[in-house]
Amino acid sequence: MLLILLTFFTHLAHAQWSMDLALAGQSQSIYRGAETWPEKGLMLGPGFSYDNQLFIQGPHVYWAFFDRQDDRQLILGIHYFDDNKPMISLGDHEVDYRNQRKNSLEFYSRGEYKFGWKNKFNLNFQIARDFISYEGLYSEIGAQAPLLPFTSLSTKISFAEKSTQSYLYGPGSLSGAGFSSLGLKFVWPFLPFEGIAMLGYDYSWVLKGINQHADYVRGRSRHQVFSLRIIAKIF
């Protein structure tokens, strides 16, 4: 026991916190295939990490079991979600049928396996369960591959219980496949202050006809989103 305690406190002595600042903007807000805000929005906020294992990033708090450079990753975390307007809304849109969900708090696990050229290919999965609102299961599987220098192409598809789908798309939604998406991302890791810029394009669509016309979607089931994210290290 003494040896375990000594090892633990030695680890704490050599671990350290780091902080970065992120600015993110997107053409509209989409959550798991459903539109929550149809106009442009911005978010500005800090992110923290402890010993490159514990991360606090906005509504996400998670623990990463392996280093980012490893060919495998396992994450356990908590995610908070609400469908309110963005932190900074660049339009005059008001709350409507898209914003009728209760706040959600999910416990989730995410796994990833990298392989191929410079480990640029990956397969990933996520399983989540809400425990304050709809109390349903959600899952998704995805893949990513390099396309051009600093550019990658990704895809994913989700599956969920009826209670989860009803939370996402509206009462009466069907269980099973939820939405699918294709994404294109360009990453430029050469900004000042160890900064990084990410440009993204995502095309997503709700898969089932009943879900496409559920009350929170109302036929607006296909979306294109352009996004920009800039991250700079503070310490």
C-alpha atoms as a PDB file:
ATOM      1  CA  MET A   1       0.000   0.000   0.000  1.00  0.00           C
ATOM      2  CA  LEU A   2       2.814   2.402   0.871  1.00  0.00           C
ATOM      3  CA  LEU A   3       4.449   1.694  -2.483  1.00  0.00           C
ATOM      4  CA  ILE A   4       1.180   2.423  -4.306  1.00  0.00           C
ATOM      5  CA  LEU A   5       0.765   5.740  -2.461  1.00  0.00           C
ATOM      6  CA  LEU A   6       4.363   6.738  -3.174  1.00  0.00           C
ATOM      7  CA  THR A   7       3.896   5.927  -6.855  1.00  0.00           C
ATOM      8  CA  PHE A   8       0.659   7.946  -6.990  1.00  0.00           C
ATOM      9  CA  PHE A   9       2.127  11.062  -5.362  1.00  0.00           C
ATOM     10  CA  THR A  10       5.276  10.810  -7.480  1.00  0.00           C
ATOM     11  CA  HIS A  11       3.053  10.809 -10.551  1.00  0.00           C
ATOM     12  CA  LEU A  12       1.180  13.886  -9.286  1.00  0.00           C
ATOM     13  CA  ALA A  13       4.441  15.708  -8.660  1.00  0.00           C
ATOM     14  CA  HIS A  14       5.498  15.283 -12.287  1.00  0.00           C
ATOM     15  CA  ALA A  15       2.072  15.873 -13.839  1.00  0.00           C
ATOM     16  CA  GLN A  16       0.998  19.323 -14.938  1.00  0.00           C
ATOM     17  CA  TRP A  17      -1.965  21.306 -16.134  1.00  0.00           C
ATOM     18  CA  SER A  18      -2.090  23.018 -19.509  1.00  0.00           C
ATOM     19  CA  MET A  19      -4.566  25.527 -20.899  1.00  0.00           C
ATOM     20  CA  ASP A  20      -5.591  26.601 -24.363  1.00  0.00           C
ATOM     21  CA  LEU A  21      -8.081  29.055 -25.810  1.00  0.00           C
ATOM     22  CA  ALA A  22     -10.455  28.078 -28.616  1.00  0.00           C
ATOM     23  CA  LEU A  23     -12.531  30.143 -31.031  1.00  0.00           C
ATOM     24  CA  ALA A  24     -15.097  28.140 -32.992  1.00  0.00           C
ATOM     25  CA  GLY A  25     -17.614  29.230 -35.589  1.00  0.00           C
ATOM     26  CA  GLN A  26     -20.100  27.366 -37.763  1.00  0.00           C
ATOM     27  CA  SER A  27     -22.713  28.151 -40.388  1.00  0.00           C
ATOM     28  CA  GLN A  28     -25.497  26.476 -38.370  1.00  0.00           C
ATOM     29  CA  SER A  29     -25.820  24.155 -35.358  1.00  0.00           C
ATOM     30  CA  ILE A  30     -26.553  20.466 -35.958  1.00  0.00           C
ATOM     31  CA  TYR A  31     -26.788  17.826 -33.225  1.00  0.00           C
ATOM     32  CA  ARG A  32     -26.752  14.206 -34.360  1.00  0.00           C
ATOM     33  CA  GLY A  33     -28.477  15.040 -37.615  1.00  0.00           C
ATOM     34  CA  ALA A  34     -31.064  17.464 -36.190  1.00  0.00           C
ATOM     35  CA  GLU A  35     -30.825  21.211 -36.726  1.00  0.00           C
ATOM     36  CA  THR A  36     -30.877  23.145 -33.448  1.00  0.00           C
ATOM     37  CA  TRP A  37     -30.001  26.631 -34.748  1.00  0.00           C
ATOM     38  CA  PRO A  38     -30.267  27.614 -38.441  1.00  0.00           C
ATOM     39  CA  GLU A  39     -27.931  30.629 -38.358  1.00  0.00           C
ATOM     40  CA  LYS A  40     -24.227  31.267 -37.852  1.00  0.00           C
ATOM     41  CA  GLY A  41     -22.797  31.173 -34.350  1.00  0.00           C
ATOM     42  CA  LEU A  42     -19.513  31.595 -32.480  1.00  0.00           C
ATOM     43  CA  MET A  43     -18.067  30.117 -29.309  1.00  0.00           C
ATOM     44  CA  LEU A  44     -15.044  31.322 -27.361  1.00  0.00           C
ATOM     45  CA  GLY A  45     -13.708  29.529 -24.315  1.00  0.00           C
ATOM     46  CA  PRO A  46     -10.786  27.879 -22.536  1.00  0.00           C
ATOM     47  CA  GLY A  47      -9.844  24.225 -22.447  1.00  0.00           C
ATOM     48  CA  PHE A  48      -7.769  22.453 -19.805  1.00  0.00           C
ATOM     49  CA  SER A  49      -5.827  19.220 -19.679  1.00  0.00           C
ATOM     50  CA  TYR A  50      -4.041  17.445 -16.850  1.00  0.00           C
ATOM     51  CA  ASP A  51      -1.028  15.302 -17.713  1.00  0.00           C
ATOM     52  CA  ASN A  52      -2.489  14.757 -21.218  1.00  0.00           C
ATOM     53  CA  GLN A  53      -5.057  12.387 -19.738  1.00  0.00           C
ATOM     54  CA  LEU A  54      -7.813  14.423 -18.084  1.00  0.00           C
ATOM     55  CA  PHE A  55      -9.428  16.949 -20.441  1.00  0.00           C
ATOM     56  CA  ILE A  56     -12.010  19.667 -19.786  1.00  0.00           C
ATOM     57  CA  GLN A  57     -13.271  21.098 -23.060  1.00  0.00           C
ATOM     58  CA  GLY A  58     -16.507  23.066 -22.876  1.00  0.00           C
ATOM     59  CA  PRO A  59     -19.365  20.611 -22.264  1.00  0.00           C
ATOM     60  CA  HIS A  60     -16.993  17.612 -22.355  1.00  0.00           C
ATOM     61  CA  VAL A  61     -14.985  16.208 -19.440  1.00  0.00           C
ATOM     62  CA  TYR A  62     -13.124  13.005 -20.260  1.00  0.00           C
ATOM     63  CA  TRP A  63     -10.217  10.727 -19.407  1.00  0.00           C
ATOM     64  CA  ALA A  64      -7.960   9.371 -22.171  1.00  0.00           C
ATOM     65  CA  PHE A  65      -6.247   6.094 -21.330  1.00  0.00           C
ATOM     66  CA  PHE A  66      -3.554   6.273 -24.026  1.00  0.00           C
ATOM     67  CA  ASP A  67      -1.325   8.942 -25.542  1.00  0.00           C
ATOM     68  CA  ARG A  68      -2.644  10.736 -28.624  1.00  0.00           C
ATOM     69  CA  GLN A  69       0.213   9.326 -30.698  1.00  0.00           C
ATOM     70  CA  ASP A  70      -0.687   5.705 -29.913  1.00  0.00           C
ATOM     71  CA  ASP A  71      -2.438   3.585 -32.510  1.00  0.00           C
ATOM     72  CA  ARG A  72      -5.299   2.961 -30.077  1.00  0.00           C
ATOM     73  CA  GLN A  73      -7.379   5.125 -27.803  1.00  0.00           C
ATOM     74  CA  LEU A  74     -10.057   4.605 -25.179  1.00  0.00           C
ATOM     75  CA  ILE A  75     -11.925   7.514 -23.639  1.00  0.00           C
ATOM     76  CA  LEU A  76     -14.448   7.673 -20.800  1.00  0.00           C
ATOM     77  CA  GLY A  77     -16.266  10.933 -20.292  1.00  0.00           C
ATOM     78  CA  ILE A  78     -19.306  13.035 -19.484  1.00  0.00           C
ATOM     79  CA  HIS A  79     -21.030  15.272 -22.027  1.00  0.00           C
ATOM     80  CA  TYR A  80     -23.588  18.018 -21.340  1.00  0.00           C
ATOM     81  CA  PHE A  81     -25.967  19.159 -24.087  1.00  0.00           C
ATOM     82  CA  ASP A  82     -28.694  21.750 -24.497  1.00  0.00           C
ATOM     83  CA  ASP A  83     -30.314  23.032 -27.685  1.00  0.00           C
ATOM     84  CA  ASN A  84     -30.169  26.713 -26.744  1.00  0.00           C
ATOM     85  CA  LYS A  85     -28.886  29.434 -29.067  1.00  0.00           C
ATOM     86  CA  PRO A  86     -25.091  29.645 -29.639  1.00  0.00           C
ATOM     87  CA  MET A  87     -22.914  31.609 -27.220  1.00  0.00           C
ATOM     88  CA  ILE A  88     -22.675  34.356 -29.868  1.00  0.00           C
ATOM     89  CA  SER A  89     -25.498  34.265 -32.408  1.00  0.00           C
ATOM     90  CA  LEU A  90     -24.830  36.094 -35.688  1.00  0.00           C
ATOM     91  CA  GLY A  91     -28.455  36.518 -36.677  1.00  0.00           C
ATOM     92  CA  ASP A  92     -31.920  37.386 -35.437  1.00  0.00           C
ATOM     93  CA  HIS A  93     -33.411  33.879 -35.266  1.00  0.00           C
ATOM     94  CA  GLU A  94     -35.520  33.145 -32.182  1.00  0.00           C
ATOM     95  CA  VAL A  95     -36.212  29.941 -30.235  1.00  0.00           C
ATOM     96  CA  ASP A  96     -38.747  27.682 -31.994  1.00  0.00           C
ATOM     97  CA  TYR A  97     -39.729  24.018 -32.444  1.00  0.00           C
ATOM     98  CA  ARG A  98     -36.051  23.043 -32.752  1.00  0.00           C
ATOM     99  CA  ASN A  99     -35.386  24.013 -29.133  1.00  0.00           C
ATOM    100  CA  GLN A 100     -37.853  21.958 -27.091  1.00  0.00           C
ATOM    101  CA  ARG A 101     -35.496  19.351 -25.610  1.00  0.00           C
ATOM    102  CA  LYS A 102     -34.626  19.043 -21.946  1.00  0.00           C
ATOM    103  CA  ASN A 103     -30.961  19.369 -21.049  1.00  0.00           C
ATOM    104  CA  SER A 104     -29.013  16.122 -21.329  1.00  0.00           C
ATOM    105  CA  LEU A 105     -26.049  14.722 -19.413  1.00  0.00           C
ATOM    106  CA  GLU A 106     -24.438  11.630 -20.908  1.00  0.00           C
ATOM    107  CA  PHE A 107     -21.805   9.204 -19.766  1.00  0.00           C
ATOM    108  CA  TYR A 108     -19.944   7.926 -22.816  1.00  0.00           C
ATOM    109  CA  SER A 109     -17.089   5.740 -23.946  1.00  0.00           C
ATOM    110  CA  ARG A 110     -15.208   6.165 -27.199  1.00  0.00           C
ATOM    111  CA  GLY A 111     -12.672   3.867 -28.813  1.00  0.00           C
ATOM    112  CA  GLU A 112     -10.397   4.427 -31.775  1.00  0.00           C
ATOM    113  CA  TYR A 113      -7.926   2.309 -33.717  1.00  0.00           C
ATOM    114  CA  LYS A 114      -5.398   3.963 -36.056  1.00  0.00           C
ATOM    115  CA  PHE A 115      -3.576   2.124 -38.807  1.00  0.00           C
ATOM    116  CA  GLY A 116      -2.026   2.421 -42.257  1.00  0.00           C
ATOM    117  CA  TRP A 117       0.148   5.210 -43.607  1.00  0.00           C
ATOM    118  CA  LYS A 118       1.428   7.286 -40.665  1.00  0.00           C
ATOM    119  CA  ASN A 119      -1.566   6.011 -38.677  1.00  0.00           C
ATOM    120  CA  LYS A 120      -3.776   8.400 -40.671  1.00  0.00           C
ATOM    121  CA  PHE A 121      -6.563   5.844 -41.128  1.00  0.00           C
ATOM    122  CA  ASN A 122      -8.845   5.076 -38.197  1.00  0.00           C
ATOM    123  CA  LEU A 123     -11.943   3.186 -37.164  1.00  0.00           C
ATOM    124  CA  ASN A 124     -13.914   4.441 -34.171  1.00  0.00           C
ATOM    125  CA  PHE A 125     -17.006   3.853 -32.084  1.00  0.00           C
ATOM    126  CA  GLN A 126     -18.935   5.630 -29.351  1.00  0.00           C
ATOM    127  CA  ILE A 127     -21.531   4.401 -26.855  1.00  0.00           C
ATOM    128  CA  ALA A 128     -23.412   6.847 -24.615  1.00  0.00           C
ATOM    129  CA  ARG A 129     -26.258   6.852 -22.115  1.00  0.00           C
ATOM    130  CA  ASP A 130     -28.122   9.854 -20.769  1.00  0.00           C
ATOM    131  CA  PHE A 131     -28.983   9.755 -17.063  1.00  0.00           C
ATOM    132  CA  ILE A 132     -31.001  12.933 -16.382  1.00  0.00           C
ATOM    133  CA  SER A 133     -33.390  13.333 -19.314  1.00  0.00           C
ATOM    134  CA  TYR A 134     -34.418  10.579 -21.747  1.00  0.00           C
ATOM    135  CA  GLU A 135     -32.254   7.843 -20.149  1.00  0.00           C
ATOM    136  CA  GLY A 136     -31.642   6.079 -23.446  1.00  0.00           C
ATOM    137  CA  LEU A 137     -28.677   4.525 -25.230  1.00  0.00           C
ATOM    138  CA  TYR A 138     -26.926   6.079 -28.217  1.00  0.00           C
ATOM    139  CA  SER A 139     -24.137   4.631 -30.359  1.00  0.00           C
ATOM    140  CA  GLU A 140     -22.213   5.446 -33.496  1.00  0.00           C
ATOM    141  CA  ILE A 141     -19.479   3.905 -35.616  1.00  0.00           C
ATOM    142  CA  GLY A 142     -17.180   5.807 -37.941  1.00  0.00           C
ATOM    143  CA  ALA A 143     -14.080   5.788 -40.103  1.00  0.00           C
ATOM    144  CA  GLN A 144     -11.529   8.327 -41.284  1.00  0.00           C
ATOM    145  CA  ALA A 145      -8.943   8.333 -44.074  1.00  0.00           C
ATOM    146  CA  PRO A 146      -6.364  10.824 -45.402  1.00  0.00           C
ATOM    147  CA  LEU A 147      -7.265  12.558 -48.656  1.00  0.00           C
ATOM    148  CA  LEU A 148      -4.626  15.256 -49.322  1.00  0.00           C
ATOM    149  CA  PRO A 149      -1.832  16.735 -47.160  1.00  0.00           C
ATOM    150  CA  PHE A 150      -3.400  17.991 -43.902  1.00  0.00           C
ATOM    151  CA  THR A 151      -6.815  16.877 -45.173  1.00  0.00           C
ATOM    152  CA  SER A 152      -9.009  13.943 -44.140  1.00  0.00           C
ATOM    153  CA  LEU A 153     -12.352  12.440 -45.116  1.00  0.00           C
ATOM    154  CA  SER A 154     -14.650  10.885 -42.502  1.00  0.00           C
ATOM    155  CA  THR A 155     -17.998   9.157 -42.262  1.00  0.00           C
ATOM    156  CA  LYS A 156     -20.218   7.848 -39.467  1.00  0.00           C
ATOM    157  CA  ILE A 157     -23.632   6.372 -38.767  1.00  0.00           C
ATOM    158  CA  SER A 158     -25.623   6.301 -35.521  1.00  0.00           C
ATOM    159  CA  PHE A 159     -27.968   3.801 -33.884  1.00  0.00           C
ATOM    160  CA  ALA A 160     -30.163   4.449 -30.858  1.00  0.00           C
ATOM    161  CA  GLU A 161     -33.126   3.374 -28.777  1.00  0.00           C
ATOM    162  CA  LYS A 162     -36.605   4.796 -29.326  1.00  0.00           C
ATOM    163  CA  SER A 163     -36.352   7.113 -26.303  1.00  0.00           C
ATOM    164  CA  THR A 164     -33.086   8.539 -27.645  1.00  0.00           C
ATOM    165  CA  GLN A 165     -34.438   9.047 -31.155  1.00  0.00           C
ATOM    166  CA  SER A 166     -37.558  10.716 -29.732  1.00  0.00           C
ATOM    167  CA  TYR A 167     -35.317  13.075 -27.771  1.00  0.00           C
ATOM    168  CA  LEU A 168     -33.248  13.910 -30.856  1.00  0.00           C
ATOM    169  CA  TYR A 169     -35.904  14.131 -33.571  1.00  0.00           C
ATOM    170  CA  GLY A 170     -39.241  14.371 -31.773  1.00  0.00           C
ATOM    171  CA  PRO A 171     -41.874  12.198 -30.044  1.00  0.00           C
ATOM    172  CA  GLY A 172     -42.788   9.040 -31.926  1.00  0.00           C
ATOM    173  CA  SER A 173     -39.429   8.623 -33.657  1.00  0.00           C
ATOM    174  CA  LEU A 174     -38.297   5.094 -34.466  1.00  0.00           C
ATOM    175  CA  SER A 175     -35.391   3.191 -32.925  1.00  0.00           C
ATOM    176  CA  GLY A 176     -32.508   1.858 -35.006  1.00  0.00           C
ATOM    177  CA  ALA A 177     -30.435   3.872 -37.459  1.00  0.00           C
ATOM    178  CA  GLY A 178     -30.520   7.582 -36.665  1.00  0.00           C
ATOM    179  CA  PHE A 179     -28.387   9.682 -38.984  1.00  0.00           C
ATOM    180  CA  SER A 180     -25.327   9.442 -41.188  1.00  0.00           C
ATOM    181  CA  SER A 181     -22.722  11.993 -42.216  1.00  0.00           C
ATOM    182  CA  LEU A 182     -19.749  12.679 -44.457  1.00  0.00           C
ATOM    183  CA  GLY A 183     -17.063  15.119 -43.373  1.00  0.00           C
ATOM    184  CA  LEU A 184     -14.055  16.846 -44.910  1.00  0.00           C
ATOM    185  CA  LYS A 185     -11.482  18.483 -42.619  1.00  0.00           C
ATOM    186  CA  PHE A 186      -8.346  20.536 -43.256  1.00  0.00           C
ATOM    187  CA  VAL A 187      -5.913  20.981 -40.347  1.00  0.00           C
ATOM    188  CA  TRP A 188      -3.110  23.568 -40.318  1.00  0.00           C
ATOM    189  CA  PRO A 189      -0.869  22.992 -37.256  1.00  0.00           C
ATOM    190  CA  PHE A 190       1.579  25.869 -37.766  1.00  0.00           C
ATOM    191  CA  LEU A 191      -0.024  28.889 -36.101  1.00  0.00           C
ATOM    192  CA  PRO A 192       1.740  31.043 -33.466  1.00  0.00           C
ATOM    193  CA  PHE A 193       1.505  30.030 -29.788  1.00  0.00           C
ATOM    194  CA  GLU A 194       1.571  26.346 -30.792  1.00  0.00           C
ATOM    195  CA  GLY A 195      -1.774  27.024 -32.393  1.00  0.00           C
ATOM    196  CA  ILE A 196      -3.821  24.999 -34.824  1.00  0.00           C
ATOM    197  CA  ALA A 197      -6.586  25.883 -37.285  1.00  0.00           C
ATOM    198  CA  MET A 198      -9.255  23.471 -38.535  1.00  0.00           C
ATOM    199  CA  LEU A 199     -11.595  24.062 -41.451  1.00  0.00           C
ATOM    200  CA  GLY A 200     -14.479  21.622 -41.773  1.00  0.00           C
ATOM    201  CA  TYR A 201     -17.372  20.701 -44.029  1.00  0.00           C
ATOM    202  CA  ASP A 202     -20.047  18.217 -42.923  1.00  0.00           C
ATOM    203  CA  TYR A 203     -23.042  16.864 -44.783  1.00  0.00           C
ATOM    204  CA  SER A 204     -25.523  14.944 -42.617  1.00  0.00           C
ATOM    205  CA  TRP A 205     -28.957  13.426 -43.063  1.00  0.00           C
ATOM    206  CA  VAL A 206     -31.574  11.763 -40.853  1.00  0.00           C
ATOM    207  CA  LEU A 207     -32.160   8.241 -42.132  1.00  0.00           C
ATOM    208  CA  LYS A 208     -35.747   7.165 -41.461  1.00  0.00           C
ATOM    209  CA  GLY A 209     -38.788   8.813 -43.002  1.00  0.00           C
ATOM    210  CA  ILE A 210     -40.781   8.981 -39.769  1.00  0.00           C
ATOM    211  CA  ASN A 211     -37.824  10.531 -37.957  1.00  0.00           C
ATOM    212  CA  GLN A 212     -37.305  12.994 -40.832  1.00  0.00           C
ATOM    213  CA  HIS A 213     -40.808  14.347 -40.253  1.00  0.00           C
ATOM    214  CA  ALA A 214     -40.844  14.153 -36.449  1.00  0.00           C
ATOM    215  CA  ASP A 215     -41.669  17.337 -34.550  1.00  0.00           C
ATOM    216  CA  TYR A 216     -38.107  18.627 -33.974  1.00  0.00           C
ATOM    217  CA  VAL A 217     -37.076  18.050 -37.614  1.00  0.00           C
ATOM    218  CA  ARG A 218     -40.205  18.711 -39.731  1.00  0.00           C
ATOM    219  CA  GLY A 219     -38.623  17.712 -43.018  1.00  0.00           C
ATOM    220  CA  ARG A 220     -35.378  19.662 -42.513  1.00  0.00           C
ATOM    221  CA  SER A 221     -33.419  16.425 -42.466  1.00  0.00           C
ATOM    222  CA  ARG A 222     -30.380  17.218 -44.656  1.00  0.00           C
ATOM    223  CA  HIS A 223     -27.770  19.785 -43.708  1.00  0.00           C
ATOM    224  CA  GLN A 224     -24.465  21.231 -44.862  1.00  0.00           C
ATOM    225  CA  VAL A 225     -22.288  22.832 -42.194  1.00  0.00           C
ATOM    226  CA  PHE A 226     -19.085  24.825 -42.676  1.00  0.00           C
ATOM    227  CA  SER A 227     -16.954  25.320 -39.580  1.00  0.00           C
ATOM    228  CA  LEU A 228     -13.738  26.969 -38.426  1.00  0.00           C
ATOM    229  CA  ARG A 229     -11.896  26.310 -35.197  1.00  0.00           C
ATOM    230  CA  ILE A 230      -8.712  28.014 -33.980  1.00  0.00           C
ATOM    231  CA  ILE A 231      -6.890  26.832 -30.859  1.00  0.00           C
ATOM    232  CA  ALA A 232      -3.921  28.587 -29.214  1.00  0.00           C
ATOM    233  CA  LYS A 233      -1.943  27.322 -26.234  1.00  0.00           C
ATOM    234  CA  ILE A 234      -1.878  29.620 -23.198  1.00  0.00           C
ATOM    235  CA  PHE A 235       0.445  27.538 -20.985  1.00  0.00           C
END
